[in-house]
Amino acid sequence: RHLGLRYTGLIGVLVEAKHKGVLSAVKPQLDELRNIAGFRISDALYVRVLQDEREESCG
């Protein structure tokens, strides 16, 4: 939600699930999607989502 922008698609669903208390964090799901399922997300977007959700990325 950086600068008031909202995520859409699967990332938006994960973020919304976290906000509703269904998930405690989005990082584990994003990591599995990227590393196991081959989900394509730019490094910049990955870092932005984690920063916006206060789940800082270490690189």
PDB file of N, CA and C in Angstrom:
ATOM      1  N   ARG A   1       0.821  -1.187   0.000  1.00  0.00           N
ATOM      2  CA  ARG A   1       0.000   0.000   0.000  1.00  0.00           C
ATOM      3  C   ARG A   1       0.865   1.251   0.000  1.00  0.00           C
ATOM      4  N   HIS A   2       2.024   1.097  -0.506  1.00  0.00           N
ATOM      5  CA  HIS A   2       2.959   2.209  -0.609  1.00  0.00           C
ATOM      6  C   HIS A   2       2.338   3.333  -1.421  1.00  0.00           C
ATOM      7  N   LEU A   3       2.385   4.536  -0.905  1.00  0.00           N
ATOM      8  CA  LEU A   3       1.811   5.709  -1.575  1.00  0.00           C
ATOM      9  C   LEU A   3       0.326   5.544  -1.857  1.00  0.00           C
ATOM     10  N   GLY A   4      -0.345   4.746  -1.056  1.00  0.00           N
ATOM     11  CA  GLY A   4      -1.781   4.574  -1.240  1.00  0.00           C
ATOM     12  C   GLY A   4      -2.161   3.578  -2.314  1.00  0.00           C
ATOM     13  N   LEU A   5      -1.180   2.903  -2.918  1.00  0.00           N
ATOM     14  CA  LEU A   5      -1.481   1.908  -3.949  1.00  0.00           C
ATOM     15  C   LEU A   5      -1.832   0.589  -3.291  1.00  0.00           C
ATOM     16  N   ARG A   6      -2.722  -0.144  -3.923  1.00  0.00           N
ATOM     17  CA  ARG A   6      -3.129  -1.447  -3.400  1.00  0.00           C
ATOM     18  C   ARG A   6      -2.602  -2.539  -4.309  1.00  0.00           C
ATOM     19  N   TYR A   7      -2.261  -3.666  -3.717  1.00  0.00           N
ATOM     20  CA  TYR A   7      -1.826  -4.819  -4.498  1.00  0.00           C
ATOM     21  C   TYR A   7      -3.058  -5.550  -5.001  1.00  0.00           C
ATOM     22  N   THR A   8      -2.946  -6.134  -6.176  1.00  0.00           N
ATOM     23  CA  THR A   8      -4.039  -6.923  -6.721  1.00  0.00           C
ATOM     24  C   THR A   8      -3.538  -8.322  -7.023  1.00  0.00           C
ATOM     25  N   GLY A   9      -4.438  -9.183  -7.399  1.00  0.00           N
ATOM     26  CA  GLY A   9      -4.060 -10.547  -7.737  1.00  0.00           C
ATOM     27  C   GLY A   9      -3.699 -11.349  -6.502  1.00  0.00           C
ATOM     28  N   LEU A  10      -2.856 -12.341  -6.711  1.00  0.00           N
ATOM     29  CA  LEU A  10      -2.492 -13.257  -5.631  1.00  0.00           C
ATOM     30  C   LEU A  10      -1.803 -12.536  -4.479  1.00  0.00           C
ATOM     31  N   ILE A  11      -0.942 -11.588  -4.789  1.00  0.00           N
ATOM     32  CA  ILE A  11      -0.267 -10.842  -3.728  1.00  0.00           C
ATOM     33  C   ILE A  11      -1.291 -10.085  -2.890  1.00  0.00           C
ATOM     34  N   GLY A  12      -2.253  -9.484  -3.540  1.00  0.00           N
ATOM     35  CA  GLY A  12      -3.308  -8.774  -2.825  1.00  0.00           C
ATOM     36  C   GLY A  12      -4.118  -9.692  -1.936  1.00  0.00           C
ATOM     37  N   VAL A  13      -4.370 -10.902  -2.405  1.00  0.00           N
ATOM     38  CA  VAL A  13      -5.112 -11.884  -1.604  1.00  0.00           C
ATOM     39  C   VAL A  13      -4.308 -12.242  -0.353  1.00  0.00           C
ATOM     40  N   LEU A  14      -3.003 -12.452  -0.505  1.00  0.00           N
ATOM     41  CA  LEU A  14      -2.166 -12.784   0.650  1.00  0.00           C
ATOM     42  C   LEU A  14      -2.128 -11.637   1.656  1.00  0.00           C
ATOM     43  N   VAL A  15      -1.967 -10.409   1.151  1.00  0.00           N
ATOM     44  CA  VAL A  15      -1.932  -9.241   2.031  1.00  0.00           C
ATOM     45  C   VAL A  15      -3.265  -9.090   2.761  1.00  0.00           C
ATOM     46  N   GLU A  16      -4.358  -9.248   2.043  1.00  0.00           N
ATOM     47  CA  GLU A  16      -5.683  -9.128   2.664  1.00  0.00           C
ATOM     48  C   GLU A  16      -5.890 -10.224   3.711  1.00  0.00           C
ATOM     49  N   ALA A  17      -5.419 -11.441   3.425  1.00  0.00           N
ATOM     50  CA  ALA A  17      -5.533 -12.539   4.391  1.00  0.00           C
ATOM     51  C   ALA A  17      -4.758 -12.212   5.663  1.00  0.00           C
ATOM     52  N   LYS A  18      -3.604 -11.589   5.514  1.00  0.00           N
ATOM     53  CA  LYS A  18      -2.840 -11.181   6.699  1.00  0.00           C
ATOM     54  C   LYS A  18      -3.609 -10.124   7.483  1.00  0.00           C
ATOM     55  N   HIS A  19      -4.156  -9.152   6.783  1.00  0.00           N
ATOM     56  CA  HIS A  19      -4.887  -8.072   7.459  1.00  0.00           C
ATOM     57  C   HIS A  19      -6.130  -8.588   8.184  1.00  0.00           C
ATOM     58  N   LYS A  20      -6.716  -9.680   7.684  1.00  0.00           N
ATOM     59  CA  LYS A  20      -7.914 -10.248   8.316  1.00  0.00           C
ATOM     60  C   LYS A  20      -7.569 -11.287   9.376  1.00  0.00           C
ATOM     61  N   GLY A  21      -6.271 -11.548   9.584  1.00  0.00           N
ATOM     62  CA  GLY A  21      -5.855 -12.478  10.615  1.00  0.00           C
ATOM     63  C   GLY A  21      -5.810 -13.931  10.186  1.00  0.00           C
ATOM     64  N   VAL A  22      -6.005 -14.198   8.900  1.00  0.00           N
ATOM     65  CA  VAL A  22      -5.947 -15.569   8.398  1.00  0.00           C
ATOM     66  C   VAL A  22      -4.491 -16.035   8.326  1.00  0.00           C
ATOM     67  N   LEU A  23      -3.598 -15.131   7.955  1.00  0.00           N
ATOM     68  CA  LEU A  23      -2.162 -15.402   7.923  1.00  0.00           C
ATOM     69  C   LEU A  23      -1.476 -14.480   8.922  1.00  0.00           C
ATOM     70  N   SER A  24      -0.413 -14.962   9.525  1.00  0.00           N
ATOM     71  CA  SER A  24       0.348 -14.091  10.419  1.00  0.00           C
ATOM     72  C   SER A  24       1.428 -13.328   9.663  1.00  0.00           C
ATOM     73  N   ALA A  25       1.797 -13.832   8.476  1.00  0.00           N
ATOM     74  CA  ALA A  25       2.831 -13.202   7.657  1.00  0.00           C
ATOM     75  C   ALA A  25       2.639 -13.618   6.203  1.00  0.00           C
ATOM     76  N   VAL A  26       3.099 -12.766   5.279  1.00  0.00           N
ATOM     77  CA  VAL A  26       3.027 -13.115   3.857  1.00  0.00           C
ATOM     78  C   VAL A  26       4.355 -13.649   3.335  1.00  0.00           C
ATOM     79  N   LYS A  27       5.449 -13.366   4.022  1.00  0.00           N
ATOM     80  CA  LYS A  27       6.766 -13.775   3.538  1.00  0.00           C
ATOM     81  C   LYS A  27       6.883 -15.281   3.315  1.00  0.00           C
ATOM     82  N   PRO A  28       6.465 -16.127   4.252  1.00  0.00           N
ATOM     83  CA  PRO A  28       6.595 -17.570   4.006  1.00  0.00           C
ATOM     84  C   PRO A  28       5.839 -18.025   2.752  1.00  0.00           C
ATOM     85  N   GLN A  29       4.658 -17.473   2.536  1.00  0.00           N
ATOM     86  CA  GLN A  29       3.881 -17.856   1.357  1.00  0.00           C
ATOM     87  C   GLN A  29       4.536 -17.328   0.083  1.00  0.00           C
ATOM     88  N   LEU A  30       5.009 -16.088   0.108  1.00  0.00           N
ATOM     89  CA  LEU A  30       5.696 -15.540  -1.064  1.00  0.00           C
ATOM     90  C   LEU A  30       6.951 -16.345  -1.379  1.00  0.00           C
ATOM     91  N   ASP A  31       7.697 -16.722  -0.339  1.00  0.00           N
ATOM     92  CA  ASP A  31       8.913 -17.507  -0.550  1.00  0.00           C
ATOM     93  C   ASP A  31       8.594 -18.863  -1.175  1.00  0.00           C
ATOM     94  N   GLU A  32       7.563 -19.531  -0.683  1.00  0.00           N
ATOM     95  CA  GLU A  32       7.179 -20.820  -1.264  1.00  0.00           C
ATOM     96  C   GLU A  32       6.709 -20.663  -2.696  1.00  0.00           C
ATOM     97  N   LEU A  33       5.920 -19.640  -2.953  1.00  0.00           N
ATOM     98  CA  LEU A  33       5.452 -19.402  -4.320  1.00  0.00           C
ATOM     99  C   LEU A  33       6.625 -19.167  -5.261  1.00  0.00           C
ATOM    100  N   ARG A  34       7.593 -18.373  -4.837  1.00  0.00           N
ATOM    101  CA  ARG A  34       8.745 -18.062  -5.689  1.00  0.00           C
ATOM    102  C   ARG A  34       9.669 -19.265  -5.852  1.00  0.00           C
ATOM    103  N   ASN A  35       9.990 -19.929  -4.752  1.00  0.00           N
ATOM    104  CA  ASN A  35      11.028 -20.957  -4.770  1.00  0.00           C
ATOM    105  C   ASN A  35      10.530 -22.338  -5.151  1.00  0.00           C
ATOM    106  N   ILE A  36       9.292 -22.652  -4.840  1.00  0.00           N
ATOM    107  CA  ILE A  36       8.773 -23.995  -5.101  1.00  0.00           C
ATOM    108  C   ILE A  36       7.848 -24.009  -6.309  1.00  0.00           C
ATOM    109  N   ALA A  37       6.932 -23.053  -6.363  1.00  0.00           N
ATOM    110  CA  ALA A  37       5.931 -23.052  -7.436  1.00  0.00           C
ATOM    111  C   ALA A  37       6.383 -22.282  -8.675  1.00  0.00           C
ATOM    112  N   GLY A  38       7.512 -21.577  -8.587  1.00  0.00           N
ATOM    113  CA  GLY A  38       7.998 -20.833  -9.742  1.00  0.00           C
ATOM    114  C   GLY A  38       7.217 -19.560 -10.037  1.00  0.00           C
ATOM    115  N   PHE A  39       6.506 -19.038  -9.035  1.00  0.00           N
ATOM    116  CA  PHE A  39       5.739 -17.801  -9.191  1.00  0.00           C
ATOM    117  C   PHE A  39       6.704 -16.666  -9.483  1.00  0.00           C
ATOM    118  N   ARG A  40       6.403 -15.891 -10.515  1.00  0.00           N
ATOM    119  CA  ARG A  40       7.299 -14.810 -10.920  1.00  0.00           C
ATOM    120  C   ARG A  40       6.856 -13.489 -10.310  1.00  0.00           C
ATOM    121  N   ILE A  41       7.749 -12.918  -9.536  1.00  0.00           N
ATOM    122  CA  ILE A  41       7.542 -11.606  -8.929  1.00  0.00           C
ATOM    123  C   ILE A  41       8.908 -10.926  -8.903  1.00  0.00           C
ATOM    124  N   SER A  42       8.957  -9.687  -9.318  1.00  0.00           N
ATOM    125  CA  SER A  42      10.238  -8.982  -9.347  1.00  0.00           C
ATOM    126  C   SER A  42      10.779  -8.834  -7.926  1.00  0.00           C
ATOM    127  N   ASP A  43      12.100  -8.766  -7.839  1.00  0.00           N
ATOM    128  CA  ASP A  43      12.722  -8.564  -6.532  1.00  0.00           C
ATOM    129  C   ASP A  43      12.242  -7.264  -5.904  1.00  0.00           C
ATOM    130  N   ALA A  44      12.076  -6.231  -6.736  1.00  0.00           N
ATOM    131  CA  ALA A  44      11.638  -4.928  -6.223  1.00  0.00           C
ATOM    132  C   ALA A  44      10.241  -5.018  -5.610  1.00  0.00           C
ATOM    133  N   LEU A  45       9.326  -5.721  -6.268  1.00  0.00           N
ATOM    134  CA  LEU A  45       7.971  -5.862  -5.730  1.00  0.00           C
ATOM    135  C   LEU A  45       7.980  -6.717  -4.470  1.00  0.00           C
ATOM    136  N   TYR A  46       8.756  -7.790  -4.479  1.00  0.00           N
ATOM    137  CA  TYR A  46       8.886  -8.661  -3.312  1.00  0.00           C
ATOM    138  C   TYR A  46       9.325  -7.844  -2.096  1.00  0.00           C
ATOM    139  N   VAL A  47      10.387  -7.058  -2.266  1.00  0.00           N
ATOM    140  CA  VAL A  47      10.907  -6.238  -1.171  1.00  0.00           C
ATOM    141  C   VAL A  47       9.875  -5.204  -0.749  1.00  0.00           C
ATOM    142  N   ARG A  48       9.202  -4.596  -1.709  1.00  0.00           N
ATOM    143  CA  ARG A  48       8.197  -3.565  -1.405  1.00  0.00           C
ATOM    144  C   ARG A  48       7.057  -4.144  -0.569  1.00  0.00           C
ATOM    145  N   VAL A  49       6.570  -5.322  -0.947  1.00  0.00           N
ATOM    146  CA  VAL A  49       5.480  -5.952  -0.196  1.00  0.00           C
ATOM    147  C   VAL A  49       5.930  -6.231   1.235  1.00  0.00           C
ATOM    148  N   LEU A  50       7.123  -6.792   1.383  1.00  0.00           N
ATOM    149  CA  LEU A  50       7.611  -7.110   2.725  1.00  0.00           C
ATOM    150  C   LEU A  50       7.817  -5.850   3.557  1.00  0.00           C
ATOM    151  N   GLN A  51       8.313  -4.794   2.942  1.00  0.00           N
ATOM    152  CA  GLN A  51       8.482  -3.536   3.670  1.00  0.00           C
ATOM    153  C   GLN A  51       7.131  -2.959   4.070  1.00  0.00           C
ATOM    154  N   ASP A  52       6.191  -2.942   3.133  1.00  0.00           N
ATOM    155  CA  ASP A  52       4.865  -2.398   3.428  1.00  0.00           C
ATOM    156  C   ASP A  52       4.175  -3.172   4.544  1.00  0.00           C
ATOM    157  N   GLU A  53       4.424  -4.476   4.592  1.00  0.00           N
ATOM    158  CA  GLU A  53       3.807  -5.323   5.614  1.00  0.00           C
ATOM    159  C   GLU A  53       4.686  -5.469   6.856  1.00  0.00           C
ATOM    160  N   ARG A  54       5.745  -4.705   6.902  1.00  0.00           N
ATOM    161  CA  ARG A  54       6.696  -4.715   8.015  1.00  0.00           C
ATOM    162  C   ARG A  54       7.272  -6.103   8.266  1.00  0.00           C
ATOM    163  N   GLU A  55       7.610  -6.759   7.175  1.00  0.00           N
ATOM    164  CA  GLU A  55       8.289  -8.057   7.209  1.00  0.00           C
ATOM    165  C   GLU A  55       9.562  -7.889   6.391  1.00  0.00           C
ATOM    166  N   GLU A  56      10.469  -7.082   6.874  1.00  0.00           N
ATOM    167  CA  GLU A  56      11.644  -6.667   6.114  1.00  0.00           C
ATOM    168  C   GLU A  56      12.366  -7.844   5.470  1.00  0.00           C
ATOM    169  N   SER A  57      12.821  -7.612   4.258  1.00  0.00           N
ATOM    170  CA  SER A  57      13.586  -8.605   3.515  1.00  0.00           C
ATOM    171  C   SER A  57      15.069  -8.393   3.783  1.00  0.00           C
ATOM    172  N   CYS A  58      15.790  -9.481   3.886  1.00  0.00           N
ATOM    173  CA  CYS A  58      17.242  -9.400   4.089  1.00  0.00           C
ATOM    174  C   CYS A  58      17.954  -9.579   2.758  1.00  0.00           C
ATOM    175  N   GLY A  59      17.605  -8.825   1.784  1.00  0.00           N
ATOM    176  CA  GLY A  59      18.318  -8.897   0.513  1.00  0.00           C
ATOM    177  C   GLY A  59      17.423  -9.204  -0.537  1.00  0.00           C
TER     178      GLY A  59
END
